[in-house]
C-alpha atoms as a PDB file:
ATOM      1  CA  MET A   1      -9.146 -16.491  12.727  1.00  0.00           C
ATOM      2  CA  LYS A   2      -8.761 -20.472  13.140  1.00  0.00           C
ATOM      3  CA  PHE A   3      -6.821 -20.364   9.627  1.00  0.00           C
ATOM      4  CA  GLU A   4      -4.790 -17.125  10.635  1.00  0.00           C
ATOM      5  CA  LYS A   5      -3.750 -19.375  13.854  1.00  0.00           C
ATOM      6  CA  TYR A   6      -3.237 -22.526  12.218  1.00  0.00           C
ATOM      7  CA  ILE A   7      -1.010 -20.427   9.982  1.00  0.00           C
ATOM      8  CA  TYR A   8       0.712 -18.408  12.475  1.00  0.00           C
ATOM      9  CA  LYS A   9       2.127 -21.865  14.089  1.00  0.00           C
ATOM     10  CA  ARG A  10       3.445 -23.476  11.301  1.00  0.00           C
ATOM     11  CA  LYS A  11       7.209 -23.220  10.152  1.00  0.00           C
ATOM     12  CA  ILE A  12       7.587 -20.540   7.543  1.00  0.00           C
ATOM     13  CA  LYS A  13       9.040 -22.924   4.991  1.00  0.00           C
ATOM     14  CA  ASP A  14       5.899 -25.007   5.148  1.00  0.00           C
ATOM     15  CA  LEU A  15       3.426 -21.979   4.223  1.00  0.00           C
ATOM     16  CA  PRO A  16       2.858 -21.442   0.542  1.00  0.00           C
ATOM     17  CA  GLU A  17       4.991 -18.597  -1.592  1.00  0.00           C
ATOM     18  CA  ASP A  18       1.952 -16.250  -1.634  1.00  0.00           C
ATOM     19  CA  LEU A  19       1.846 -16.030   2.042  1.00  0.00           C
ATOM     20  CA  LEU A  20       5.496 -14.894   2.592  1.00  0.00           C
ATOM     21  CA  PRO A  21       6.695 -11.318   2.504  1.00  0.00           C
ATOM     22  CA  ARG A  22       9.983 -11.891   1.102  1.00  0.00           C
ATOM     23  CA  GLU A  23       8.646 -14.180  -1.975  1.00  0.00           C
ATOM     24  CA  LYS A  24       5.462 -11.570  -2.705  1.00  0.00           C
ATOM     25  CA  ALA A  25       7.943  -8.685  -2.301  1.00  0.00           C
ATOM     26  CA  LEU A  26      10.161 -10.383  -5.287  1.00  0.00           C
ATOM     27  CA  LYS A  27       7.411 -10.956  -7.358  1.00  0.00           C
ATOM     28  CA  TYR A  28       4.895  -7.987  -7.036  1.00  0.00           C
ATOM     29  CA  GLY A  29       7.221  -5.520  -5.761  1.00  0.00           C
ATOM     30  CA  ILE A  30       7.808  -4.001  -2.005  1.00  0.00           C
ATOM     31  CA  SER A  31       4.768  -1.559  -1.908  1.00  0.00           C
ATOM     32  CA  SER A  32       2.252  -4.386  -2.216  1.00  0.00           C
ATOM     33  CA  LEU A  33       3.207  -5.466   1.126  1.00  0.00           C
ATOM     34  CA  SER A  34       0.908  -4.916   3.999  1.00  0.00           C
ATOM     35  CA  GLU A  35       1.866  -3.526   7.653  1.00  0.00           C
ATOM     36  CA  SER A  36       1.817  -6.808   8.757  1.00  0.00           C
ATOM     37  CA  GLU A  37       4.227  -8.308   5.959  1.00  0.00           C
ATOM     38  CA  LEU A  38       6.448  -5.010   5.989  1.00  0.00           C
ATOM     39  CA  LEU A  39       7.275  -5.338   9.673  1.00  0.00           C
ATOM     40  CA  ALA A  40       7.582  -9.414   9.172  1.00  0.00           C
ATOM     41  CA  LEU A  41      10.078  -8.977   6.229  1.00  0.00           C
ATOM     42  CA  SER A  42      12.046  -6.487   9.148  1.00  0.00           C
ATOM     43  CA  LEU A  43      11.892  -8.930  12.055  1.00  0.00           C
ATOM     44  CA  GLY A  44      13.143 -11.761   9.743  1.00  0.00           C
ATOM     45  CA  SER A  45      11.975 -14.445  12.263  1.00  0.00           C
ATOM     46  CA  GLY A  46       9.122 -15.416  14.852  1.00  0.00           C
ATOM     47  CA  THR A  47       9.457 -16.741  18.419  1.00  0.00           C
ATOM     48  CA  LYS A  48       8.967 -19.802  19.626  1.00  0.00           C
ATOM     49  CA  GLY A  49       5.478 -21.402  18.945  1.00  0.00           C
ATOM     50  CA  LEU A  50       4.660 -18.169  16.594  1.00  0.00           C
ATOM     51  CA  ASN A  51       6.194 -17.485  13.601  1.00  0.00           C
ATOM     52  CA  VAL A  52       7.362 -13.936  11.858  1.00  0.00           C
ATOM     53  CA  ILE A  53       4.420 -13.593  10.198  1.00  0.00           C
ATOM     54  CA  GLY A  54       1.671 -14.143  13.575  1.00  0.00           C
ATOM     55  CA  LEU A  55       4.117 -12.598  15.134  1.00  0.00           C
ATOM     56  CA  ALA A  56       4.001  -9.278  13.354  1.00  0.00           C
ATOM     57  CA  ASP A  57       0.179  -9.311  13.243  1.00  0.00           C
ATOM     58  CA  LYS A  58       0.513  -9.536  16.737  1.00  0.00           C
ATOM     59  CA  ILE A  59       2.386  -6.922  17.747  1.00  0.00           C
ATOM     60  CA  ILE A  60       0.312  -4.527  15.211  1.00  0.00           C
ATOM     61  CA  LYS A  61      -3.054  -5.417  16.482  1.00  0.00           C
ATOM     62  CA  LYS A  62      -2.190  -5.406  19.973  1.00  0.00           C
ATOM     63  CA  PHE A  63      -0.682  -1.359  20.093  1.00  0.00           C
ATOM     64  CA  GLY A  64      -2.188  -0.117  16.292  1.00  0.00           C
ATOM     65  CA  PHE A  65      -0.232   0.555  13.226  1.00  0.00           C
ATOM     66  CA  LYS A  66      -0.429   4.200  13.624  1.00  0.00           C
ATOM     67  CA  ASN A  67       0.420   3.413  17.613  1.00  0.00           C
ATOM     68  CA  LEU A  68       3.760   1.921  16.604  1.00  0.00           C
ATOM     69  CA  LYS A  69       5.967   5.044  16.643  1.00  0.00           C
ATOM     70  CA  ASN A  70       5.034   5.449  20.154  1.00  0.00           C
ATOM     71  CA  ILE A  71       5.531   2.058  21.382  1.00  0.00           C
ATOM     72  CA  LYS A  72       8.398   1.926  24.288  1.00  0.00           C
ATOM     73  CA  LEU A  73      10.891  -0.983  24.719  1.00  0.00           C
ATOM     74  CA  GLU A  74       8.793  -1.894  27.859  1.00  0.00           C
ATOM     75  CA  ASP A  75       5.812  -2.680  25.727  1.00  0.00           C
ATOM     76  CA  LEU A  76       7.514  -4.714  23.684  1.00  0.00           C
ATOM     77  CA  LEU A  77       8.952  -7.085  26.967  1.00  0.00           C
ATOM     78  CA  LYS A  78       4.948  -7.895  27.839  1.00  0.00           C
ATOM     79  CA  ILE A  79       4.619 -10.059  24.594  1.00  0.00           C
ATOM     80  CA  LYS A  80       5.444 -13.346  25.155  1.00  0.00           C
ATOM     81  CA  GLY A  81       8.216 -14.755  23.379  1.00  0.00           C
ATOM     82  CA  ILE A  82       9.657 -11.231  22.598  1.00  0.00           C
ATOM     83  CA  GLY A  83      13.115 -10.642  24.613  1.00  0.00           C
ATOM     84  CA  LYS A  84      15.361  -7.359  24.560  1.00  0.00           C
ATOM     85  CA  ALA A  85      17.083  -7.942  21.164  1.00  0.00           C
ATOM     86  CA  LYS A  86      14.354  -8.848  19.628  1.00  0.00           C
ATOM     87  CA  ALA A  87      12.430  -5.556  21.598  1.00  0.00           C
ATOM     88  CA  LEU A  88      15.418  -3.573  20.180  1.00  0.00           C
ATOM     89  CA  GLN A  89      15.353  -4.839  16.860  1.00  0.00           C
ATOM     90  CA  ILE A  90      11.617  -3.552  16.064  1.00  0.00           C
ATOM     91  CA  LEU A  91      12.453  -0.178  18.079  1.00  0.00           C
ATOM     92  CA  SER A  92      15.445   0.379  15.944  1.00  0.00           C
ATOM     93  CA  ILE A  93      12.924  -0.163  12.537  1.00  0.00           C
ATOM     94  CA  ILE A  94      10.461   1.978  14.014  1.00  0.00           C
ATOM     95  CA  GLU A  95      13.141   4.706  14.826  1.00  0.00           C
ATOM     96  CA  LEU A  96      13.996   4.875  11.632  1.00  0.00           C
ATOM     97  CA  SER A  97      11.053   5.152  10.325  1.00  0.00           C
ATOM     98  CA  ASN A  98      10.465   7.839  12.906  1.00  0.00           C
ATOM     99  CA  ARG A  99      13.181   9.777  12.186  1.00  0.00           C
ATOM    100  CA  LEU A 100      12.413   9.757   7.731  1.00  0.00           C
ATOM    101  CA  SER A 101       9.001  10.732   8.813  1.00  0.00           C
ATOM    102  CA  GLU A 102      10.752  14.201  10.091  1.00  0.00           C
ATOM    103  CA  ASN A 103      12.760  15.056   7.435  1.00  0.00           C
ATOM    104  CA  GLU A 104      10.236  14.325   5.221  1.00  0.00           C
ATOM    105  CA  GLU A 105       9.067  17.169   2.956  1.00  0.00           C
ATOM    106  CA  LYS A 106       5.541  17.484   1.780  1.00  0.00           C
ATOM    107  CA  ILE A 107       4.697  16.269  -1.639  1.00  0.00           C
ATOM    108  CA  GLU A 108       2.478  18.729  -3.498  1.00  0.00           C
ATOM    109  CA  LEU A 109       0.163  16.783  -6.245  1.00  0.00           C
ATOM    110  CA  SER A 110      -1.176  20.014  -7.880  1.00  0.00           C
ATOM    111  CA  ASN A 111      -0.904  18.829 -11.029  1.00  0.00           C
ATOM    112  CA  PRO A 112      -1.198  15.365 -13.261  1.00  0.00           C
ATOM    113  CA  GLU A 113       2.734  16.290 -14.178  1.00  0.00           C
ATOM    114  CA  SER A 114       3.711  16.132 -10.223  1.00  0.00           C
ATOM    115  CA  VAL A 115       1.663  12.842 -10.454  1.00  0.00           C
ATOM    116  CA  TYR A 116       3.346  11.488 -13.149  1.00  0.00           C
ATOM    117  CA  GLU A 117       6.850  12.159 -11.591  1.00  0.00           C
ATOM    118  CA  LEU A 118       6.130  10.710  -8.178  1.00  0.00           C
ATOM    119  CA  VAL A 119       5.021   7.149 -10.264  1.00  0.00           C
ATOM    120  CA  LYS A 120       6.690   7.526 -13.811  1.00  0.00           C
ATOM    121  CA  ASP A 121       8.790   4.060 -12.734  1.00  0.00           C
ATOM    122  CA  LEU A 122       5.250   2.267 -13.664  1.00  0.00           C
ATOM    123  CA  LYS A 123       6.178   2.861 -17.546  1.00  0.00           C
ATOM    124  CA  ASN A 124       8.810   0.116 -16.825  1.00  0.00           C
ATOM    125  CA  GLU A 125       6.609  -2.652 -15.496  1.00  0.00           C
ATOM    126  CA  ARG A 126       5.982  -5.516 -17.299  1.00  0.00           C
ATOM    127  CA  GLN A 127       2.922  -6.262 -15.556  1.00  0.00           C
ATOM    128  CA  GLU A 128      -0.505  -3.720 -14.948  1.00  0.00           C
ATOM    129  CA  LYS A 129      -0.331  -2.126 -11.885  1.00  0.00           C
ATOM    130  CA  LEU A 130      -3.359   0.089 -10.084  1.00  0.00           C
ATOM    131  CA  ILE A 131      -1.901   2.119  -7.878  1.00  0.00           C
ATOM    132  CA  ALA A 132      -3.925   4.725  -5.313  1.00  0.00           C
ATOM    133  CA  ILE A 133      -2.892   8.161  -4.238  1.00  0.00           C
ATOM    134  CA  TYR A 134      -4.756   9.815  -1.101  1.00  0.00           C
ATOM    135  CA  THR A 135      -3.812  13.831  -0.713  1.00  0.00           C
ATOM    136  CA  ASN A 136      -5.430  16.478   1.946  1.00  0.00           C
ATOM    137  CA  THR A 137      -7.309  19.054   1.227  1.00  0.00           C
ATOM    138  CA  LEU A 138      -4.066  21.078   0.140  1.00  0.00           C
ATOM    139  CA  ASN A 139      -3.361  18.388  -2.615  1.00  0.00           C
ATOM    140  CA  GLN A 140      -0.524  16.840  -0.498  1.00  0.00           C
ATOM    141  CA  LEU A 141       0.349  13.307  -0.551  1.00  0.00           C
ATOM    142  CA  LEU A 142      -0.809  11.343   2.704  1.00  0.00           C
ATOM    143  CA  ALA A 143      -0.212   7.608   1.188  1.00  0.00           C
ATOM    144  CA  LYS A 144       0.345   5.751  -1.931  1.00  0.00           C
ATOM    145  CA  GLU A 145      -1.121   2.093  -2.203  1.00  0.00           C
ATOM    146  CA  THR A 146      -1.110  -0.706  -4.859  1.00  0.00           C
ATOM    147  CA  ILE A 147      -4.673  -2.182  -4.670  1.00  0.00           C
ATOM    148  CA  ALA A 148      -4.707  -4.652  -7.712  1.00  0.00           C
ATOM    149  CA  ILE A 149      -2.057  -6.308 -10.018  1.00  0.00           C
ATOM    150  CA  GLY A 150      -3.286  -6.965 -13.094  1.00  0.00           C
ATOM    151  CA  SER A 151      -5.883  -5.825 -15.956  1.00  0.00           C
ATOM    152  CA  LEU A 152      -8.714  -3.829 -14.135  1.00  0.00           C
ATOM    153  CA  ASN A 153     -11.173  -5.932 -16.638  1.00  0.00           C
ATOM    154  CA  ARG A 154      -9.947  -8.957 -14.653  1.00  0.00           C
ATOM    155  CA  LEU A 155     -11.970  -8.007 -11.071  1.00  0.00           C
ATOM    156  CA  ASN A 156      -8.277  -7.571  -9.615  1.00  0.00           C
ATOM    157  CA  ALA A 157      -9.170  -3.632  -9.273  1.00  0.00           C
ATOM    158  CA  LYS A 158     -11.905  -3.878  -6.063  1.00  0.00           C
ATOM    159  CA  PRO A 159     -13.377   0.044  -4.936  1.00  0.00           C
ATOM    160  CA  ARG A 160     -13.706  -1.227  -1.329  1.00  0.00           C
ATOM    161  CA  ASP A 161     -10.002  -1.435  -1.197  1.00  0.00           C
ATOM    162  CA  ILE A 162      -9.346   2.061  -2.741  1.00  0.00           C
ATOM    163  CA  PHE A 163     -11.786   3.131  -0.087  1.00  0.00           C
ATOM    164  CA  PHE A 164     -10.321   1.082   2.889  1.00  0.00           C
ATOM    165  CA  TYR A 165      -7.148   3.058   2.264  1.00  0.00           C
ATOM    166  CA  ALA A 166      -8.762   6.632   1.821  1.00  0.00           C
ATOM    167  CA  ILE A 167     -10.404   5.987   5.187  1.00  0.00           C
ATOM    168  CA  LYS A 168      -7.428   5.140   6.836  1.00  0.00           C
ATOM    169  CA  SER A 169      -5.278   8.176   5.625  1.00  0.00           C
ATOM    170  CA  ASN A 170      -8.211  10.408   6.474  1.00  0.00           C
ATOM    171  CA  ALA A 171      -7.464  11.482   2.879  1.00  0.00           C
ATOM    172  CA  TYR A 172      -9.698  14.109   0.716  1.00  0.00           C
ATOM    173  CA  GLY A 173      -8.793  13.706  -2.538  1.00  0.00           C
ATOM    174  CA  ILE A 174      -8.402  10.125  -4.630  1.00  0.00           C
ATOM    175  CA  ILE A 175      -5.958  10.033  -7.578  1.00  0.00           C
ATOM    176  CA  LEU A 176      -5.555   7.004  -9.672  1.00  0.00           C
ATOM    177  CA  VAL A 177      -3.006   5.601 -11.813  1.00  0.00           C
ATOM    178  CA  HIS A 178      -2.563   2.502 -13.558  1.00  0.00           C
ATOM    179  CA  ASN A 179       0.160   1.163 -16.883  1.00  0.00           C
ATOM    180  CA  HIS A 180      -0.368  -0.045 -19.695  1.00  0.00           C
ATOM    181  CA  PRO A 181       2.504  -2.327 -20.413  1.00  0.00           C
ATOM    182  CA  GLU A 182       2.196  -2.640 -23.771  1.00  0.00           C
ATOM    183  CA  GLY A 183       0.854  -0.048 -26.352  1.00  0.00           C
ATOM    184  CA  ASP A 184       0.099   3.931 -25.712  1.00  0.00           C
ATOM    185  CA  SER A 185      -1.526   5.475 -22.817  1.00  0.00           C
ATOM    186  CA  SER A 186      -5.089   6.004 -24.389  1.00  0.00           C
ATOM    187  CA  PRO A 187      -7.648   4.773 -22.189  1.00  0.00           C
ATOM    188  CA  SER A 188      -9.663   1.783 -22.687  1.00  0.00           C
ATOM    189  CA  ASP A 189     -13.746   1.411 -22.744  1.00  0.00           C
ATOM    190  CA  GLU A 190     -13.045  -0.447 -19.292  1.00  0.00           C
ATOM    191  CA  ASP A 191     -10.456   1.982 -18.477  1.00  0.00           C
ATOM    192  CA  ILE A 192     -13.118   4.680 -18.685  1.00  0.00           C
ATOM    193  CA  THR A 193     -16.011   2.735 -17.212  1.00  0.00           C
ATOM    194  CA  PHE A 194     -14.116   1.872 -14.580  1.00  0.00           C
ATOM    195  CA  THR A 195     -13.054   5.594 -13.557  1.00  0.00           C
ATOM    196  CA  GLU A 196     -16.838   6.737 -13.917  1.00  0.00           C
ATOM    197  CA  ASN A 197     -17.388   3.913 -11.373  1.00  0.00           C
ATOM    198  CA  ILE A 198     -15.023   5.139  -8.907  1.00  0.00           C
ATOM    199  CA  LYS A 199     -16.217   8.941  -9.548  1.00  0.00           C
ATOM    200  CA  ASP A 200     -20.046   8.215  -8.536  1.00  0.00           C
ATOM    201  CA  LEU A 201     -18.711   6.382  -5.364  1.00  0.00           C
ATOM    202  CA  SER A 202     -16.137   8.901  -4.362  1.00  0.00           C
ATOM    203  CA  ILE A 203     -18.983  11.308  -4.166  1.00  0.00           C
ATOM    204  CA  LYS A 204     -21.371   9.022  -2.341  1.00  0.00           C
ATOM    205  CA  MET A 205     -18.964   8.153   0.005  1.00  0.00           C
ATOM    206  CA  GLY A 206     -17.241  11.838   0.519  1.00  0.00           C
ATOM    207  CA  PHE A 207     -14.274  11.795  -1.305  1.00  0.00           C
ATOM    208  CA  GLU A 208     -13.258  13.520  -4.533  1.00  0.00           C
ATOM    209  CA  LEU A 209     -11.816  11.478  -7.292  1.00  0.00           C
ATOM    210  CA  LEU A 210      -9.027  14.257  -8.430  1.00  0.00           C
ATOM    211  CA  ASP A 211      -7.749  12.411 -11.573  1.00  0.00           C
ATOM    212  CA  HIS A 212      -6.516   9.171 -13.331  1.00  0.00           C
ATOM    213  CA  LEU A 213      -3.919   8.581 -15.182  1.00  0.00           C
ATOM    214  CA  ILE A 214      -2.637   6.379 -17.469  1.00  0.00           C
ATOM    215  CA  ILE A 215       1.182   5.341 -17.876  1.00  0.00           C
ATOM    216  CA  SER A 216       2.877   4.109 -20.560  1.00  0.00           C
ATOM    217  CA  LYS A 217       6.588   4.182 -22.395  1.00  0.00           C
ATOM    218  CA  LYS A 218       4.857   6.499 -25.056  1.00  0.00           C
ATOM    219  CA  GLY A 219       3.948   9.517 -21.853  1.00  0.00           C
ATOM    220  CA  TYR A 220       0.894   9.309 -19.261  1.00  0.00           C
ATOM    221  CA  PHE A 221      -3.031  10.087 -20.171  1.00  0.00           C
ATOM    222  CA  SER A 222      -4.718  12.384 -17.638  1.00  0.00           C
ATOM    223  CA  PHE A 223      -8.476  12.333 -17.323  1.00  0.00           C
ATOM    224  CA  ALA A 224      -8.857  15.370 -15.642  1.00  0.00           C
ATOM    225  CA  LEU A 225      -6.405  16.821 -18.094  1.00  0.00           C
ATOM    226  CA  GLU A 226      -8.736  15.984 -20.715  1.00  0.00           C
ATOM    227  CA  GLY A 227     -12.003  17.251 -19.012  1.00  0.00           C
ATOM    228  CA  ILE A 228     -13.539  13.716 -18.676  1.00  0.00           C
ATOM    229  CA  ILE A 229     -13.917  13.585 -14.763  1.00  0.00           C
END
C-alpha cells in the first residue's frame, strides 16, 4: 500500500515505462491493460496530488469495476479533486461502454473453428502470448484476457492468473489460446504438460478446461479436437 501511494503521487513523467498505461498498450496491446489502466488511459490526466493512475485506481476501488456502469454524477463529485468536467468525461466513457454492451450479441464458442475466428489475429503476433477465454454453460463468451506474454516455459504463464479471471467472470468453461510466432502449431512437450496441469487444477477448482488452441501462420492445433484433453 505504501508503494502504491508513492507511485500514485509521483508525476507520470517520473514513472518507469512499465507502469505507464500508454506505453504498456503500445508495447503489449490494449488487451494487456487492467481495468484501472484502461480507465487511466481514457482519463488522460489526474488531479492535484494524484496522478491519473492513482485516480483511476481510486475510482475503481471506491465503486467496484462492475458497479461503474451505474455510477452517477453526484457520486463522482464526492471524490476529492474531481470536478464536473472530469466527472462528465468519466461518465461519457461509461455510457459508451454501456451502449456497446447493450448492442452486443453473445458470441458462441461451440467448436475450435469459432474460437480461432475470435483470436486469429494472434497468428500475426511476433511475440508469444497466452490468452484465456471464459464461457458460460451455453458456451457463450464472457471474457477474454491476456494472461502472459512470452514462452510458457519461462514461467510467465501463472495458473493463478487464469483462475483469477475465471472466478471474476463467474465462468463455467475455460479455453486457452497461445501462438507459435515461428514454426507450426504442433504442441511442444511444455505445451502438453502445461495443459495437463491446468486441466487438473480446473477440475479441482470447479471449472472445465474446454480446449487449448495453438495458433500459427499455418493454422491451428486443438487439444480437444485431437482428444488430448
